[in-house]
């Protein structure tokens, strides 16, 4: 966030996603669930081991809840680079129904799984309803298939090559303008055994039952999807929108299908079953069924991650600030982050920033507030803004700004997150700033645990 008293440019806040975890035992398929959150304007991401016994339980969550802010009509995961486990793709929706595409690499470090922005396309058309990664053409790279909903109620399928840079562009390589109505889910898997993916689409039938159909991906000149290769004609009722996922949930080398149903009491249940082996096959025999997964389920997908090294964070140690005029003491993490920030500025031929007592006080106050009250925002729990906090601390600025983050376990990780976000990077490399303050707080029982605030200014 940047502020000049003579000119308010507006606050750019990009939430860097993160995931704090217990140890994950192997690179196996997990079940990622996104829930609506009635208590705040955020979605909650939870990850479980998939249940493998009929009428068994879901077991404990593998990770602490992650709150995702914004309108996210669809998301997907897939191993794009073949190294770090799955990447996350989020399709947020902005004003007037315009969608963007944001691709994040998920990296395990210590007890957390941090997210780093790899590529984005800020304008990807309108009214995207469903998304899935797929190996949909003849090249070795993964693509993304999206389903857009037209105002008339019909649906369009578009396959894109993924963008490769920040502020890049996703290139459409296939487009089917009409794929019918009443679609409730999209996923992909290899069920034919040719090493390529097929698309699986869940639809609501005229009698209010649901079907699942598996198709070859469209060619660039396809007018329609053609006839399904395989299908289940009747999966019963009450499958929720976005309640479809495909993955190797039982670790047998072949993909299965998972669906979520709504129940009369407001709860949701999960079923996992093998894919169909023929067209219009009858209802499948489930691998797992009638599994209660709670209320407010919004979306599911499969997710893989590699085992992180588990270690406890060191207890905070206090050291004196490098600034003799600063009455505040700095944690080692805070002092290291300041050194790393100045190194980045020096790489870009910018002067180093000096520590200022009031900026340190403002930063520490906000990190303590976020940790104590379990939130992440530029606005304090008392309604304060970055600029009122600086003023309250006694800093009379000519120009000022703030970066915040949570969940990053080290100075290197939080700086990398900020430098991979255009707005936060612009603050760090702003030539108009000459002083800074940093506040870091660790709170074990909070959602995010690690809270960081960077205050910047010049008088």
Protein backbone atom coordinates (compact mmCIF):
# COMPACT_ATOMS: atom_id res chain seq x y z
CA UNK A 1 0.00 0.00 0.00
CA UNK A 2 1.38 3.40 -1.06
CA UNK A 3 0.32 6.86 0.05
CA UNK A 4 1.29 10.38 -0.88
CA UNK A 5 -0.67 13.16 0.85
CA UNK A 6 -0.88 15.04 -2.42
CA UNK A 7 -1.95 12.06 -4.46
CA UNK A 8 -3.73 8.88 -3.42
CA UNK A 9 -2.91 6.20 -5.97
CA UNK A 10 -5.12 3.57 -4.38
CA UNK A 11 -4.27 0.53 -2.39
CA UNK A 12 -3.15 -2.56 -4.23
CA UNK A 13 -3.46 -5.58 -1.99
CA UNK A 14 -2.54 -8.98 -3.35
CA UNK A 15 -2.93 -11.83 -0.90
CA UNK A 16 -0.02 -14.24 -1.18
CA UNK A 17 -1.48 -17.66 -0.47
CA UNK A 18 0.15 -19.95 2.03
CA UNK A 19 -0.51 -23.20 3.84
CA UNK A 20 0.78 -24.19 7.29
CA UNK A 21 0.96 -27.89 7.75
CA UNK A 22 1.69 -30.92 9.77
CA UNK A 23 3.99 -33.35 8.00
CA UNK A 24 2.66 -34.90 4.77
CA UNK A 25 3.92 -38.44 4.39
CA UNK A 26 4.25 -38.87 0.61
CA UNK A 27 3.63 -37.35 -2.80
CA UNK A 28 0.19 -38.92 -3.11
CA UNK A 29 -3.18 -37.62 -4.24
CA UNK A 30 -4.96 -35.54 -1.62
CA UNK A 31 -8.43 -34.07 -1.63
CA UNK A 32 -8.56 -30.26 -1.61
CA UNK A 33 -11.87 -28.78 -0.43
CA UNK A 34 -12.89 -25.13 -0.59
CA UNK A 35 -15.65 -24.05 1.77
CA UNK A 36 -17.76 -20.93 2.01
CA UNK A 37 -17.14 -19.05 5.22
CA UNK A 38 -20.21 -17.51 6.83
CA UNK A 39 -18.16 -15.52 9.36
CA UNK A 40 -16.04 -13.51 6.93
CA UNK A 41 -15.83 -12.69 3.19
CA UNK A 42 -13.33 -15.41 2.49
CA UNK A 43 -13.19 -18.99 1.27
CA UNK A 44 -11.50 -21.64 3.39
CA UNK A 45 -9.16 -24.21 1.83
CA UNK A 46 -8.76 -27.58 3.57
CA UNK A 47 -6.75 -30.65 2.48
CA UNK A 48 -7.33 -34.27 3.50
CA UNK A 49 -6.08 -37.71 2.68
CA UNK A 50 -8.82 -39.24 0.49
CA UNK A 51 -10.91 -41.82 2.36
CA UNK A 52 -10.57 -45.32 0.94
CA UNK A 53 -13.20 -47.28 2.85
CA UNK A 54 -16.94 -47.22 2.23
CA UNK A 55 -18.72 -45.31 4.99
CA UNK A 56 -15.40 -44.48 6.61
CA UNK A 57 -14.37 -41.11 7.95
CA UNK A 58 -12.45 -38.25 6.38
CA UNK A 59 -9.75 -38.29 9.03
CA UNK A 60 -7.84 -35.26 10.27
CA UNK A 61 -7.02 -32.28 8.11
CA UNK A 62 -3.46 -32.40 6.80
CA UNK A 63 -3.08 -28.63 6.91
CA UNK A 64 -4.47 -25.77 8.89
CA UNK A 65 -7.28 -23.83 7.27
CA UNK A 66 -6.25 -21.27 4.67
CA UNK A 67 -8.43 -18.25 4.00
CA UNK A 68 -8.65 -17.08 0.39
CA UNK A 69 -10.07 -13.60 -0.11
CA UNK A 70 -11.95 -12.67 -3.25
CA UNK A 71 -14.54 -14.14 -5.58
CA UNK A 72 -13.00 -17.38 -6.89
CA UNK A 73 -15.47 -19.09 -9.27
CA UNK A 74 -13.03 -21.92 -10.00
CA UNK A 75 -9.65 -23.39 -9.11
CA UNK A 76 -7.55 -26.38 -10.14
CA UNK A 77 -4.25 -28.11 -9.33
CA UNK A 78 -1.75 -30.02 -11.45
CA UNK A 79 1.96 -30.87 -11.59
CA UNK A 80 3.18 -28.44 -14.25
CA UNK A 81 6.95 -28.51 -13.73
CA UNK A 82 7.36 -32.10 -12.51
CA UNK A 83 9.46 -31.04 -9.54
CA UNK A 84 7.61 -29.54 -6.59
CA UNK A 85 4.26 -31.34 -6.64
CA UNK A 86 1.10 -29.65 -7.88
CA UNK A 87 0.70 -26.01 -8.79
CA UNK A 88 -2.49 -24.13 -7.95
CA UNK A 89 -4.54 -22.28 -10.54
CA UNK A 90 -7.06 -19.71 -9.29
CA UNK A 91 -9.64 -18.07 -11.55
CA UNK A 92 -10.89 -14.97 -9.68
CA UNK A 93 -13.77 -12.87 -10.92
CA UNK A 94 -13.62 -9.10 -10.84
CA UNK A 95 -16.01 -6.38 -11.80
CA UNK A 96 -18.50 -6.97 -14.59
CA UNK A 97 -17.81 -10.70 -14.54
CA UNK A 98 -14.24 -10.36 -15.92
CA UNK A 99 -11.97 -13.28 -14.95
CA UNK A 100 -8.25 -13.48 -14.41
CA UNK A 101 -5.90 -16.48 -14.25
CA UNK A 102 -3.23 -16.79 -11.56
CA UNK A 103 -0.80 -19.74 -11.46
CA UNK A 104 1.06 -20.39 -8.19
CA UNK A 105 3.88 -22.82 -7.39
CA UNK A 106 3.36 -24.59 -4.07
CA UNK A 107 6.62 -25.17 -2.21
CA UNK A 108 7.15 -27.06 1.04
CA UNK A 109 9.48 -25.40 3.50
CA UNK A 110 9.79 -26.39 7.15
CA UNK A 111 6.23 -26.69 8.47
CA UNK A 112 4.55 -24.69 5.74
CA UNK A 113 3.62 -24.83 2.09
CA UNK A 114 4.14 -21.39 0.62
CA UNK A 115 2.79 -20.14 -2.69
CA UNK A 116 4.79 -18.19 -5.27
CA UNK A 117 3.15 -16.51 -8.25
CA UNK A 118 4.48 -18.02 -11.50
CA UNK A 119 2.30 -16.47 -14.17
CA UNK A 120 -0.93 -14.60 -14.68
CA UNK A 121 -3.38 -13.35 -17.26
CA UNK A 122 -5.47 -10.56 -15.81
CA UNK A 123 -8.13 -10.70 -18.51
CA UNK A 124 -9.41 -14.11 -19.52
CA UNK A 125 -12.89 -13.30 -20.73
CA UNK A 126 -16.05 -13.31 -18.65
CA UNK A 127 -18.22 -15.62 -16.60
CA UNK A 128 -15.83 -18.55 -16.21
CA UNK A 129 -17.62 -21.29 -14.30
CA UNK A 130 -15.26 -24.29 -14.28
CA UNK A 131 -11.56 -24.94 -14.81
CA UNK A 132 -9.25 -27.94 -15.02
CA UNK A 133 -5.68 -28.62 -16.05
CA UNK A 134 -5.32 -31.15 -18.87
CA UNK A 135 -2.80 -32.57 -21.29
CA UNK A 136 -5.14 -31.69 -24.13
CA UNK A 137 -2.89 -31.57 -27.22
CA UNK A 138 0.16 -33.23 -28.76
CA UNK A 139 2.85 -31.21 -26.96
CA UNK A 140 4.27 -32.27 -23.56
CA UNK A 141 3.04 -29.15 -21.71
CA UNK A 142 -0.14 -28.97 -19.69
CA UNK A 143 -3.03 -26.77 -20.80
CA UNK A 144 -6.04 -25.39 -18.96
CA UNK A 145 -9.62 -26.02 -20.06
CA UNK A 146 -12.25 -23.49 -19.02
CA UNK A 147 -16.01 -23.52 -19.31
CA UNK A 148 -17.68 -20.13 -19.73
CA UNK A 149 -21.40 -19.58 -19.21
CA UNK A 150 -23.24 -17.35 -21.68
CA UNK A 151 -26.09 -15.08 -20.56
CA UNK A 152 -28.54 -17.33 -22.42
CA UNK A 153 -27.59 -20.24 -20.14
CA UNK A 154 -25.54 -22.32 -22.59
CA UNK A 155 -21.86 -23.15 -22.06
CA UNK A 156 -18.65 -22.75 -24.09
CA UNK A 157 -15.44 -24.78 -23.66
CA UNK A 158 -12.07 -23.13 -24.39
CA UNK A 159 -8.63 -24.74 -24.05
CA UNK A 160 -5.68 -22.41 -23.40
CA UNK A 161 -1.91 -22.66 -23.34
CA UNK A 162 -0.90 -21.33 -19.94
CA UNK A 163 0.80 -17.94 -19.62
CA UNK A 164 4.49 -18.16 -18.79
CA UNK A 165 5.15 -14.75 -17.20
CA UNK A 166 3.70 -12.24 -14.79
CA UNK A 167 1.16 -10.15 -16.73
CA UNK A 168 1.33 -12.68 -19.54
CA UNK A 169 -1.36 -13.99 -21.81
CA UNK A 170 -3.11 -17.36 -22.02
CA UNK A 171 -3.42 -18.34 -25.71
CA UNK A 172 -6.64 -20.08 -26.79
CA UNK A 173 -5.84 -23.19 -28.84
CA UNK A 174 -9.29 -24.81 -29.09
CA UNK A 175 -12.83 -23.53 -28.74
CA UNK A 176 -16.16 -25.34 -28.70
CA UNK A 177 -18.89 -22.72 -28.69
CA UNK A 178 -21.75 -24.99 -27.63
CA UNK A 179 -21.49 -27.86 -25.14
CA UNK A 180 -25.03 -27.84 -23.82
CA UNK A 181 -26.66 -26.67 -20.61
CA UNK A 182 -26.85 -27.59 -16.92
CA UNK A 183 -23.14 -28.34 -16.47
CA UNK A 184 -22.08 -28.68 -12.83
CA UNK A 185 -18.44 -29.82 -12.99
CA UNK A 186 -15.28 -30.22 -15.06
CA UNK A 187 -12.14 -32.28 -14.48
CA UNK A 188 -9.62 -34.37 -16.45
CA UNK A 189 -7.80 -37.69 -16.29
CA UNK A 190 -6.29 -40.43 -18.44
CA UNK A 191 -8.92 -43.17 -18.74
CA UNK A 192 -8.24 -44.38 -22.27
CA UNK A 193 -4.62 -45.23 -21.47
CA UNK A 194 -2.99 -43.22 -24.26
CA UNK A 195 -0.93 -41.01 -21.95
CA UNK A 196 -3.13 -37.99 -22.69
CA UNK A 197 -5.99 -36.59 -20.68
CA UNK A 198 -9.68 -36.84 -21.37
CA UNK A 199 -12.17 -34.29 -20.09
CA UNK A 200 -14.87 -35.38 -17.65
CA UNK A 201 -18.00 -33.25 -17.45
CA UNK A 202 -20.82 -33.60 -14.92
CA UNK A 203 -24.29 -32.58 -16.08
CA UNK A 204 -27.75 -32.34 -14.60
CA UNK A 205 -30.30 -34.44 -16.50
CA UNK A 206 -33.89 -33.35 -17.26
CA UNK A 207 -35.20 -35.62 -14.48
CA UNK A 208 -32.90 -33.89 -11.92
CA UNK A 209 -30.48 -36.82 -11.77
CA UNK A 210 -26.86 -36.34 -12.79
CA UNK A 211 -24.57 -37.93 -15.37
CA UNK A 212 -20.82 -37.94 -15.93
CA UNK A 213 -19.44 -37.99 -19.48
CA UNK A 214 -15.85 -38.46 -20.63
CA UNK A 215 -14.71 -36.81 -23.88
CA UNK A 216 -11.63 -36.49 -26.00
CA UNK A 217 -10.33 -32.91 -25.78
CA UNK A 218 -11.43 -30.74 -28.71
CA UNK A 219 -9.23 -30.03 -31.71
CA UNK A 220 -8.70 -26.41 -32.78
CA UNK A 221 -11.35 -26.76 -35.49
CA UNK A 222 -13.86 -28.78 -33.44
CA UNK A 223 -17.46 -27.66 -33.75
CA UNK A 224 -18.58 -29.78 -30.80
CA UNK A 225 -17.23 -32.36 -28.39
CA UNK A 226 -18.74 -35.24 -30.32
CA UNK A 227 -20.07 -38.30 -28.56
CA UNK A 228 -18.73 -39.24 -25.13
CA UNK A 229 -16.16 -42.03 -24.97
CA UNK A 230 -17.49 -43.28 -21.62
CA UNK A 231 -20.29 -42.21 -19.32
CA UNK A 232 -22.37 -42.90 -16.25
CA UNK A 233 -25.97 -42.12 -17.17
CA UNK A 234 -27.41 -41.85 -13.66
CA UNK A 235 -25.45 -40.85 -10.58
CA UNK A 236 -28.52 -39.97 -8.58
CA UNK A 237 -29.43 -36.51 -7.34
CA UNK A 238 -28.05 -33.54 -5.47
CA UNK A 239 -24.49 -33.28 -6.83
CA UNK A 240 -23.37 -29.73 -6.08
CA UNK A 241 -21.81 -27.36 -8.66
CA UNK A 242 -18.01 -27.79 -8.60
CA UNK A 243 -18.55 -31.05 -6.73
CA UNK A 244 -16.50 -33.12 -9.23
CA UNK A 245 -12.82 -34.11 -9.09
CA UNK A 246 -10.61 -36.68 -10.79
CA UNK A 247 -7.43 -38.14 -9.36
CA UNK A 248 -5.61 -41.28 -8.29
CA UNK A 249 -7.20 -41.25 -4.85
CA UNK A 250 -6.45 -44.89 -4.00
CA UNK A 251 -2.86 -44.77 -5.35
CA UNK A 252 -3.35 -47.65 -7.80
CA UNK A 253 -1.94 -45.81 -10.82
CA UNK A 254 -5.38 -45.10 -12.33
CA UNK A 255 -7.62 -42.06 -11.89
CA UNK A 256 -10.90 -42.24 -10.01
CA UNK A 257 -13.84 -39.83 -9.83
CA UNK A 258 -15.02 -38.02 -6.69
CA UNK A 259 -18.36 -36.24 -6.28
CA UNK A 260 -19.98 -34.19 -3.50
CA UNK A 261 -23.71 -34.33 -2.75
CA UNK A 262 -25.84 -31.97 -0.66
CA UNK A 263 -27.98 -33.51 2.07
CA UNK A 264 -31.38 -32.42 3.38
CA UNK A 265 -29.88 -31.32 6.71
CA UNK A 266 -27.44 -28.91 5.05
CA UNK A 267 -24.48 -31.30 5.34
CA UNK A 268 -22.47 -32.62 2.37
CA UNK A 269 -21.30 -36.14 1.60
CA UNK A 270 -18.44 -37.45 -0.55
CA UNK A 271 -18.31 -40.45 -2.90
CA UNK A 272 -15.31 -41.87 -4.78
CA UNK A 273 -15.69 -44.47 -7.53
CA UNK A 274 -13.87 -45.97 -10.50
CA UNK A 275 -14.57 -44.38 -13.92
CA UNK A 276 -17.06 -45.91 -16.35
CA UNK A 277 -15.88 -48.54 -18.82
CA UNK A 278 -18.67 -48.05 -21.38
CA UNK A 279 -21.15 -45.46 -22.64
CA UNK A 280 -24.29 -44.98 -20.52
CA UNK A 281 -23.10 -47.37 -17.86
CA UNK A 282 -25.29 -47.79 -14.80
CA UNK A 283 -24.58 -46.30 -11.38
CA UNK A 284 -21.03 -47.18 -10.24
CA UNK A 285 -19.99 -49.21 -7.23
CA UNK A 286 -18.24 -46.74 -4.93
CA UNK A 287 -14.79 -47.12 -3.41
CA UNK A 288 -15.99 -44.80 -0.64
CA UNK A 289 -19.44 -43.33 -0.08
CA UNK A 290 -21.71 -41.51 2.37
CA UNK A 291 -18.75 -39.72 3.91
CA UNK A 292 -19.84 -36.65 5.84
CA UNK A 293 -17.57 -33.71 5.01
CA UNK A 294 -19.47 -30.96 6.79
CA UNK A 295 -21.37 -27.93 5.58
CA UNK A 296 -20.67 -25.03 3.21
CA UNK A 297 -18.71 -27.07 0.63
CA UNK A 298 -18.09 -24.90 -2.45
CA UNK A 299 -15.56 -26.79 -4.61
CA UNK A 300 -13.25 -29.82 -4.62
CA UNK A 301 -10.19 -30.92 -6.58
CA UNK A 302 -7.31 -33.39 -6.31
CA UNK A 303 -3.98 -32.12 -4.99
CA UNK A 304 -0.46 -33.54 -4.64
CA UNK A 305 2.40 -32.21 -2.55
CA UNK A 306 5.83 -33.48 -1.57
CA UNK A 307 6.86 -34.16 2.00
CA UNK A 308 8.08 -31.05 3.81
CA UNK A 309 10.75 -31.23 6.47
CA UNK A 310 9.08 -30.74 9.82
CA UNK A 311 10.80 -28.52 12.32
CA UNK A 312 9.69 -26.25 15.11
CA UNK A 313 10.35 -22.54 14.65
CA UNK A 314 13.04 -21.22 16.96
CA UNK A 315 11.86 -19.18 19.94
CA UNK A 316 12.10 -15.44 19.35
CA UNK A 317 15.34 -13.84 20.46
CA UNK A 318 15.74 -10.10 20.93
CA UNK A 319 18.72 -8.14 19.62
CA UNK A 320 19.31 -4.44 19.61
CA UNK A 321 18.48 -2.46 16.50
CA UNK A 322 21.29 -1.43 14.20
CA UNK A 323 20.02 2.15 14.55
CA UNK A 324 21.43 3.73 17.73
CA UNK A 325 18.57 6.24 17.77
CA UNK A 326 15.92 3.48 17.71
CA UNK A 327 14.59 2.66 21.18
CA UNK A 328 12.82 -0.44 19.82
CA UNK A 329 14.68 -3.76 19.74
CA UNK A 330 14.58 -5.93 16.63
CA UNK A 331 14.17 -9.68 16.37
CA UNK A 332 16.82 -11.51 14.32
CA UNK A 333 14.15 -12.18 11.67
CA UNK A 334 13.34 -8.47 11.46
CA UNK A 335 16.97 -7.42 11.20
CA UNK A 336 17.64 -10.03 8.52
CA UNK A 337 14.62 -8.90 6.49
CA UNK A 338 15.88 -5.31 6.60
CA UNK A 339 19.28 -6.45 5.31
CA UNK A 340 17.65 -8.44 2.50
CA UNK A 341 15.46 -5.48 1.50
CA UNK A 342 18.47 -3.20 1.28
CA UNK A 343 20.34 -5.80 -0.78
CA UNK A 344 17.45 -5.80 -3.27
CA UNK A 345 17.54 -2.02 -3.45
CA UNK A 346 21.29 -2.01 -3.99
CA UNK A 347 20.88 -4.50 -6.86
CA UNK A 348 18.60 -1.93 -8.48
CA UNK A 349 20.95 1.01 -7.87
CA UNK A 350 18.80 2.44 -5.08
CA UNK A 351 20.00 3.78 -1.76
CA UNK A 352 19.59 1.67 1.36
CA UNK A 353 16.78 2.46 3.78
CA UNK A 354 17.56 3.42 7.36
CA UNK A 355 15.58 2.20 10.36
CA UNK A 356 13.27 4.73 11.98
CA UNK A 357 11.88 4.33 15.48
CA UNK A 358 8.33 5.40 14.65
CA UNK A 359 8.10 3.15 11.57
CA UNK A 360 9.28 0.20 13.65
CA UNK A 361 6.63 0.99 16.26
CA UNK A 362 3.89 1.18 13.62
CA UNK A 363 5.01 -2.10 12.01
CA UNK A 364 5.21 -3.97 15.30
CA UNK A 365 1.83 -2.65 16.40
CA UNK A 366 0.15 -3.94 13.24
CA UNK A 367 1.84 -7.37 13.24
CA UNK A 368 0.87 -7.85 16.88
CA UNK A 369 -2.71 -6.81 16.06
CA UNK A 370 -2.95 -9.27 13.15
CA UNK A 371 -1.50 -12.12 15.23
CA UNK A 372 -3.64 -11.42 18.28
CA UNK A 373 -6.87 -11.04 16.30
CA UNK A 374 -6.13 -13.69 13.65
CA UNK A 375 -6.47 -11.73 10.38
CA UNK A 376 -4.46 -10.38 7.45
CA UNK A 377 -5.26 -6.89 6.17
CA UNK A 378 -3.90 -3.37 5.83
CA UNK A 379 -6.80 -2.22 8.03
CA UNK A 380 -6.28 -2.81 11.75
CA UNK A 381 -8.84 -4.39 14.04
CA UNK A 382 -9.47 -0.89 15.42
CA UNK A 383 -10.08 0.55 11.96
CA UNK A 384 -6.62 2.08 11.69
CA UNK A 385 -4.85 2.43 8.34
CA UNK A 386 -1.11 2.20 7.65
CA UNK A 387 -0.95 5.98 7.59
CA UNK A 388 -2.87 6.63 10.80
CA UNK A 389 -0.65 4.07 12.56
CA UNK A 390 2.47 5.89 11.34
CA UNK A 391 1.06 9.24 12.41
CA UNK A 392 0.07 7.84 15.81
CA UNK A 393 3.63 6.58 16.25
CA UNK A 394 4.94 10.10 15.61
CA UNK A 395 6.06 9.78 12.01
CA UNK A 396 5.26 12.87 9.92
CA UNK A 397 5.70 11.57 6.41
CA UNK A 398 5.95 13.20 3.02
CA UNK A 399 5.34 9.85 1.35
CA UNK A 400 4.67 6.42 2.89
CA UNK A 401 3.67 2.83 2.17
CA UNK A 402 3.15 -0.58 3.76
CA UNK A 403 3.53 -4.28 2.86
CA UNK A 404 1.90 -7.04 4.92
CA UNK A 405 2.11 -10.83 4.70
CA UNK A 406 1.35 -13.89 6.80
CA UNK A 407 2.33 -17.55 6.84
CA UNK A 408 5.88 -17.09 5.56
CA UNK A 409 8.30 -18.78 7.94
CA UNK A 410 11.50 -16.88 7.12
CA UNK A 411 12.70 -13.44 5.98
CA UNK A 412 13.84 -14.97 2.68
CA UNK A 413 10.40 -16.46 2.02
CA UNK A 414 8.42 -13.32 2.79
CA UNK A 415 10.74 -11.15 0.71
CA UNK A 416 10.45 -13.58 -2.22
CA UNK A 417 6.66 -13.38 -1.93
CA UNK A 418 6.72 -9.60 -1.97
CA UNK A 419 9.20 -9.41 -4.84
CA UNK A 420 6.98 -11.70 -6.92
CA UNK A 421 4.00 -9.37 -6.42
CA UNK A 422 4.08 -6.24 -8.56
CA UNK A 423 2.54 -3.91 -5.98
CA UNK A 424 4.72 -5.09 -3.09
CA UNK A 425 7.85 -5.07 -5.28
CA UNK A 426 7.06 -1.51 -6.35
CA UNK A 427 6.96 -0.44 -2.71
CA UNK A 428 10.31 -2.07 -1.89
CA UNK A 429 12.02 -0.52 -4.92
CA UNK A 430 10.40 2.91 -4.59
CA UNK A 431 13.14 5.54 -4.88
CA UNK A 432 11.02 8.02 -2.92
CA UNK A 433 11.41 6.06 0.31
CA UNK A 434 14.37 6.64 2.62
CA UNK A 435 13.37 4.97 5.92
CA UNK A 436 11.68 1.75 7.04
CA UNK A 437 10.42 -0.28 9.95
CA UNK A 438 9.71 -4.02 10.23
CA UNK A 439 7.50 -5.97 12.61
CA UNK A 440 7.39 -9.78 12.90
CA UNK A 441 5.20 -11.75 15.31
CA UNK A 442 4.85 -15.52 15.74
CA UNK A 443 1.68 -16.83 17.40
CA UNK A 444 1.32 -20.61 17.53
CA UNK A 445 -2.44 -20.80 18.10
CA UNK A 446 -3.37 -18.39 15.30
CA UNK A 447 -4.35 -19.44 11.77
CA UNK A 448 -1.32 -17.95 10.04
CA UNK A 449 1.26 -18.14 12.86
CA UNK A 450 3.80 -15.85 11.15
CA UNK A 451 2.86 -12.17 10.62
CA UNK A 452 4.99 -9.57 8.84
CA UNK A 453 4.60 -5.81 8.39
CA UNK A 454 6.97 -3.54 6.47
CA UNK A 455 6.45 0.22 6.84
CA UNK A 456 8.19 2.60 4.43
CA UNK A 457 8.39 6.36 4.28
CA UNK A 458 10.33 9.57 3.86
CA UNK A 459 9.92 12.85 5.74
